[in-house]
C-alpha cells in the first residue's frame, strides 16, 4: 500500500501558480456579439455571424478562408471581421505579394527600352540594382521575368 502512495504525484502551490499564469496568457478576448449600426451605410444593422468568408486574389493565388466570425450588415452586406478572424486573415496573406502593378515602357537609350518597377514590387521581392534577370516571352502580350537567373 505504501508503494502506491509514493507513486501519486503531488501538485505544489508553485505548480498551480505557473499553470494559472499560462492559462491567463492564452485567454481569448471576448467577442462582441451585439449588433451595431453599420459605419459604412449608416442605415443597416451589423449582426454577429460565424459564417463569414474572406475571398481575395493575391500574388496570382485565389485565397478563400471560410467560417470566420464577425459582423455583416443587413443592408449593404459589408463584412467586419473580429480580432481572431483578422489574425487568421493576416497570417494567411502576410507573405503574398499584391499583383496588378502598372509600369511604363520607357526609352533607355539608343534603341533600347526599359521598364521601371514600382517600389512595392522591389521591396516585396527584395530586388537590388544590377541583378541579372531572365526574360521569357509567353505570348505577344505576356512575359515571365525571373530575378537572379
C-alpha atoms as a PDB file:
ATOM      1  CA  UNK A   1       0.000   0.000   0.000  1.00  0.00           C
ATOM      2  CA  UNK A   2       2.819   2.413   0.814  1.00  0.00           C
ATOM      3  CA  UNK A   3       4.391   1.902  -2.650  1.00  0.00           C
ATOM      4  CA  UNK A   4       1.188   3.029  -4.375  1.00  0.00           C
ATOM      5  CA  UNK A   5       1.015   6.194  -2.243  1.00  0.00           C
ATOM      6  CA  UNK A   6       4.571   7.098  -3.273  1.00  0.00           C
ATOM      7  CA  UNK A   7       3.606   6.932  -6.982  1.00  0.00           C
ATOM      8  CA  UNK A   8       0.842   9.521  -6.610  1.00  0.00           C
ATOM      9  CA  UNK A   9       2.065  12.903  -7.928  1.00  0.00           C
ATOM     10  CA  UNK A  10       1.820  15.891  -5.615  1.00  0.00           C
ATOM     11  CA  UNK A  11       0.756  19.225  -7.070  1.00  0.00           C
ATOM     12  CA  UNK A  12       2.504  22.065  -5.279  1.00  0.00           C
ATOM     13  CA  UNK A  13       1.391  25.686  -4.889  1.00  0.00           C
ATOM     14  CA  UNK A  14       4.170  26.722  -7.295  1.00  0.00           C
ATOM     15  CA  UNK A  15       2.905  24.298  -9.969  1.00  0.00           C
ATOM     16  CA  UNK A  16      -0.648  25.653  -9.579  1.00  0.00           C
ATOM     17  CA  UNK A  17       0.561  29.258  -9.865  1.00  0.00           C
ATOM     18  CA  UNK A  18       2.528  28.507 -13.074  1.00  0.00           C
ATOM     19  CA  UNK A  19      -0.458  26.716 -14.613  1.00  0.00           C
ATOM     20  CA  UNK A  20      -2.738  29.663 -13.818  1.00  0.00           C
ATOM     21  CA  UNK A  21      -0.231  32.088 -15.392  1.00  0.00           C
ATOM     22  CA  UNK A  22      -0.121  30.002 -18.583  1.00  0.00           C
ATOM     23  CA  UNK A  23      -3.918  29.919 -18.721  1.00  0.00           C
ATOM     24  CA  UNK A  24      -4.100  33.717 -18.341  1.00  0.00           C
ATOM     25  CA  UNK A  25      -1.671  34.197 -21.246  1.00  0.00           C
ATOM     26  CA  UNK A  26      -3.790  32.045 -23.573  1.00  0.00           C
ATOM     27  CA  UNK A  27      -7.105  33.507 -22.519  1.00  0.00           C
ATOM     28  CA  UNK A  28      -9.082  34.630 -25.570  1.00  0.00           C
ATOM     29  CA  UNK A  29     -10.514  38.102 -25.769  1.00  0.00           C
ATOM     30  CA  UNK A  30     -14.297  38.132 -25.511  1.00  0.00           C
ATOM     31  CA  UNK A  31     -16.155  38.505 -28.791  1.00  0.00           C
ATOM     32  CA  UNK A  32     -18.547  41.373 -29.334  1.00  0.00           C
ATOM     33  CA  UNK A  33     -21.760  39.709 -30.431  1.00  0.00           C
ATOM     34  CA  UNK A  34     -24.163  42.637 -30.034  1.00  0.00           C
ATOM     35  CA  UNK A  35     -25.431  44.189 -33.302  1.00  0.00           C
ATOM     36  CA  UNK A  36     -24.400  47.764 -34.124  1.00  0.00           C
ATOM     37  CA  UNK A  37     -25.268  50.391 -36.745  1.00  0.00           C
ATOM     38  CA  UNK A  38     -23.238  49.841 -39.906  1.00  0.00           C
ATOM     39  CA  UNK A  39     -20.498  52.512 -40.171  1.00  0.00           C
ATOM     40  CA  UNK A  40     -20.494  52.188 -43.993  1.00  0.00           C
ATOM     41  CA  UNK A  41     -24.147  52.685 -44.987  1.00  0.00           C
ATOM     42  CA  UNK A  42     -25.359  54.132 -41.640  1.00  0.00           C
ATOM     43  CA  UNK A  43     -28.797  52.538 -42.159  1.00  0.00           C
ATOM     44  CA  UNK A  44     -28.426  48.801 -41.636  1.00  0.00           C
ATOM     45  CA  UNK A  45     -27.555  46.784 -38.563  1.00  0.00           C
ATOM     46  CA  UNK A  46     -24.358  44.731 -38.499  1.00  0.00           C
ATOM     47  CA  UNK A  47     -25.343  41.388 -36.974  1.00  0.00           C
ATOM     48  CA  UNK A  48     -22.889  38.890 -35.462  1.00  0.00           C
ATOM     49  CA  UNK A  49     -22.268  35.760 -37.561  1.00  0.00           C
ATOM     50  CA  UNK A  50     -19.837  32.854 -37.660  1.00  0.00           C
ATOM     51  CA  UNK A  51     -20.426  32.330 -41.384  1.00  0.00           C
ATOM     52  CA  UNK A  52     -18.175  34.993 -42.942  1.00  0.00           C
ATOM     53  CA  UNK A  53     -15.924  34.101 -45.867  1.00  0.00           C
ATOM     54  CA  UNK A  54     -12.767  36.027 -46.857  1.00  0.00           C
ATOM     55  CA  UNK A  55     -12.190  35.832 -50.623  1.00  0.00           C
ATOM     56  CA  UNK A  56      -9.346  37.591 -52.475  1.00  0.00           C
ATOM     57  CA  UNK A  57      -6.649  37.127 -55.108  1.00  0.00           C
ATOM     58  CA  UNK A  58      -3.053  37.929 -54.096  1.00  0.00           C
ATOM     59  CA  UNK A  59       0.102  37.092 -55.973  1.00  0.00           C
ATOM     60  CA  UNK A  60      -1.867  35.213 -58.619  1.00  0.00           C
ATOM     61  CA  UNK A  61      -3.305  32.928 -55.935  1.00  0.00           C
ATOM     62  CA  UNK A  62      -7.025  32.753 -55.083  1.00  0.00           C
ATOM     63  CA  UNK A  63      -7.365  32.756 -51.273  1.00  0.00           C
ATOM     64  CA  UNK A  64     -10.644  31.658 -49.675  1.00  0.00           C
ATOM     65  CA  UNK A  65     -10.975  31.427 -45.885  1.00  0.00           C
ATOM     66  CA  UNK A  66     -14.421  30.195 -44.767  1.00  0.00           C
ATOM     67  CA  UNK A  67     -16.101  30.048 -41.329  1.00  0.00           C
ATOM     68  CA  UNK A  68     -14.773  33.347 -39.989  1.00  0.00           C
ATOM     69  CA  UNK A  69     -16.541  35.283 -37.244  1.00  0.00           C
ATOM     70  CA  UNK A  70     -17.560  38.922 -37.136  1.00  0.00           C
ATOM     71  CA  UNK A  71     -20.462  41.132 -38.198  1.00  0.00           C
ATOM     72  CA  UNK A  72     -22.308  41.543 -41.502  1.00  0.00           C
ATOM     73  CA  UNK A  73     -24.551  44.485 -42.397  1.00  0.00           C
ATOM     74  CA  UNK A  74     -28.139  43.568 -43.220  1.00  0.00           C
ATOM     75  CA  UNK A  75     -28.400  46.387 -45.798  1.00  0.00           C
ATOM     76  CA  UNK A  76     -25.094  46.856 -47.653  1.00  0.00           C
ATOM     77  CA  UNK A  77     -23.695  43.362 -46.842  1.00  0.00           C
ATOM     78  CA  UNK A  78     -20.339  44.855 -45.700  1.00  0.00           C
ATOM     79  CA  UNK A  79     -18.368  42.406 -43.531  1.00  0.00           C
ATOM     80  CA  UNK A  80     -16.479  43.311 -40.337  1.00  0.00           C
ATOM     81  CA  UNK A  81     -14.123  40.606 -39.043  1.00  0.00           C
ATOM     82  CA  UNK A  82     -13.394  40.250 -35.330  1.00  0.00           C
ATOM     83  CA  UNK A  83      -9.832  40.223 -33.917  1.00  0.00           C
ATOM     84  CA  UNK A  84      -9.406  36.454 -34.122  1.00  0.00           C
ATOM     85  CA  UNK A  85     -10.596  36.283 -37.750  1.00  0.00           C
ATOM     86  CA  UNK A  86      -8.461  39.304 -38.687  1.00  0.00           C
ATOM     87  CA  UNK A  87      -5.431  37.494 -37.256  1.00  0.00           C
ATOM     88  CA  UNK A  88      -6.196  34.423 -39.371  1.00  0.00           C
ATOM     89  CA  UNK A  89      -6.512  36.608 -42.484  1.00  0.00           C
ATOM     90  CA  UNK A  90      -3.264  38.454 -41.695  1.00  0.00           C
ATOM     91  CA  UNK A  91      -1.316  35.201 -41.231  1.00  0.00           C
ATOM     92  CA  UNK A  92      -2.725  33.776 -44.472  1.00  0.00           C
ATOM     93  CA  UNK A  93      -1.950  36.836 -46.586  1.00  0.00           C
ATOM     94  CA  UNK A  94       1.250  38.171 -44.959  1.00  0.00           C
ATOM     95  CA  UNK A  95       3.726  36.608 -47.394  1.00  0.00           C
ATOM     96  CA  UNK A  96       1.652  37.161 -50.527  1.00  0.00           C
ATOM     97  CA  UNK A  97       2.739  39.868 -52.950  1.00  0.00           C
ATOM     98  CA  UNK A  98      -0.034  42.120 -54.291  1.00  0.00           C
ATOM     99  CA  UNK A  99      -0.423  41.966 -58.065  1.00  0.00           C
ATOM    100  CA  UNK A 100      -1.658  44.261 -60.793  1.00  0.00           C
ATOM    101  CA  UNK A 101       1.023  46.964 -60.578  1.00  0.00           C
ATOM    102  CA  UNK A 102       1.378  49.191 -63.595  1.00  0.00           C
ATOM    103  CA  UNK A 103       4.693  50.211 -65.178  1.00  0.00           C
ATOM    104  CA  UNK A 104       5.506  52.175 -68.331  1.00  0.00           C
ATOM    105  CA  UNK A 105       7.947  51.116 -71.036  1.00  0.00           C
ATOM    106  CA  UNK A 106      10.480  53.934 -71.480  1.00  0.00           C
ATOM    107  CA  UNK A 107      13.425  54.634 -73.774  1.00  0.00           C
ATOM    108  CA  UNK A 108      16.622  53.582 -72.001  1.00  0.00           C
ATOM    109  CA  UNK A 109      18.960  54.956 -74.645  1.00  0.00           C
ATOM    110  CA  UNK A 110      19.528  54.316 -78.317  1.00  0.00           C
ATOM    111  CA  UNK A 111      17.277  51.511 -79.488  1.00  0.00           C
ATOM    112  CA  UNK A 112      16.819  50.026 -76.024  1.00  0.00           C
ATOM    113  CA  UNK A 113      13.650  50.107 -73.968  1.00  0.00           C
ATOM    114  CA  UNK A 114      13.361  49.823 -70.200  1.00  0.00           C
ATOM    115  CA  UNK A 115      10.762  49.248 -67.515  1.00  0.00           C
ATOM    116  CA  UNK A 116      10.886  50.855 -64.076  1.00  0.00           C
ATOM    117  CA  UNK A 117       9.416  48.518 -61.441  1.00  0.00           C
ATOM    118  CA  UNK A 118       7.135  50.016 -58.763  1.00  0.00           C
ATOM    119  CA  UNK A 119       8.703  50.379 -55.291  1.00  0.00           C
ATOM    120  CA  UNK A 120       6.193  47.914 -53.786  1.00  0.00           C
ATOM    121  CA  UNK A 121       7.427  45.150 -56.107  1.00  0.00           C
ATOM    122  CA  UNK A 122      11.091  45.957 -55.445  1.00  0.00           C
ATOM    123  CA  UNK A 123      10.540  45.936 -51.687  1.00  0.00           C
ATOM    124  CA  UNK A 124       8.387  42.784 -51.619  1.00  0.00           C
ATOM    125  CA  UNK A 125      10.704  40.782 -53.882  1.00  0.00           C
ATOM    126  CA  UNK A 126      13.933  42.288 -52.460  1.00  0.00           C
ATOM    127  CA  UNK A 127      15.242  43.215 -55.931  1.00  0.00           C
ATOM    128  CA  UNK A 128      18.566  45.067 -55.983  1.00  0.00           C
ATOM    129  CA  UNK A 129      20.181  47.155 -58.739  1.00  0.00           C
ATOM    130  CA  UNK A 130      22.300  45.307 -61.321  1.00  0.00           C
ATOM    131  CA  UNK A 131      20.668  41.911 -60.594  1.00  0.00           C
ATOM    132  CA  UNK A 132      20.543  39.580 -63.593  1.00  0.00           C
ATOM    133  CA  UNK A 133      17.104  38.634 -64.930  1.00  0.00           C
ATOM    134  CA  UNK A 134      15.873  36.003 -67.361  1.00  0.00           C
ATOM    135  CA  UNK A 135      13.045  37.222 -69.613  1.00  0.00           C
ATOM    136  CA  UNK A 136      10.878  34.575 -71.282  1.00  0.00           C
ATOM    137  CA  UNK A 137       8.192  35.723 -73.758  1.00  0.00           C
ATOM    138  CA  UNK A 138       4.953  33.735 -73.321  1.00  0.00           C
ATOM    139  CA  UNK A 139       2.824  35.467 -75.964  1.00  0.00           C
ATOM    140  CA  UNK A 140       2.671  38.859 -77.694  1.00  0.00           C
ATOM    141  CA  UNK A 141       1.181  40.365 -74.506  1.00  0.00           C
ATOM    142  CA  UNK A 142       2.822  38.316 -71.704  1.00  0.00           C
ATOM    143  CA  UNK A 143       6.317  37.572 -70.442  1.00  0.00           C
ATOM    144  CA  UNK A 144       7.891  35.966 -67.391  1.00  0.00           C
ATOM    145  CA  UNK A 145      10.718  37.826 -65.647  1.00  0.00           C
ATOM    146  CA  UNK A 146      12.831  35.646 -63.341  1.00  0.00           C
ATOM    147  CA  UNK A 147      15.068  37.504 -60.904  1.00  0.00           C
ATOM    148  CA  UNK A 148      18.557  36.218 -60.100  1.00  0.00           C
ATOM    149  CA  UNK A 149      18.701  33.909 -63.115  1.00  0.00           C
END
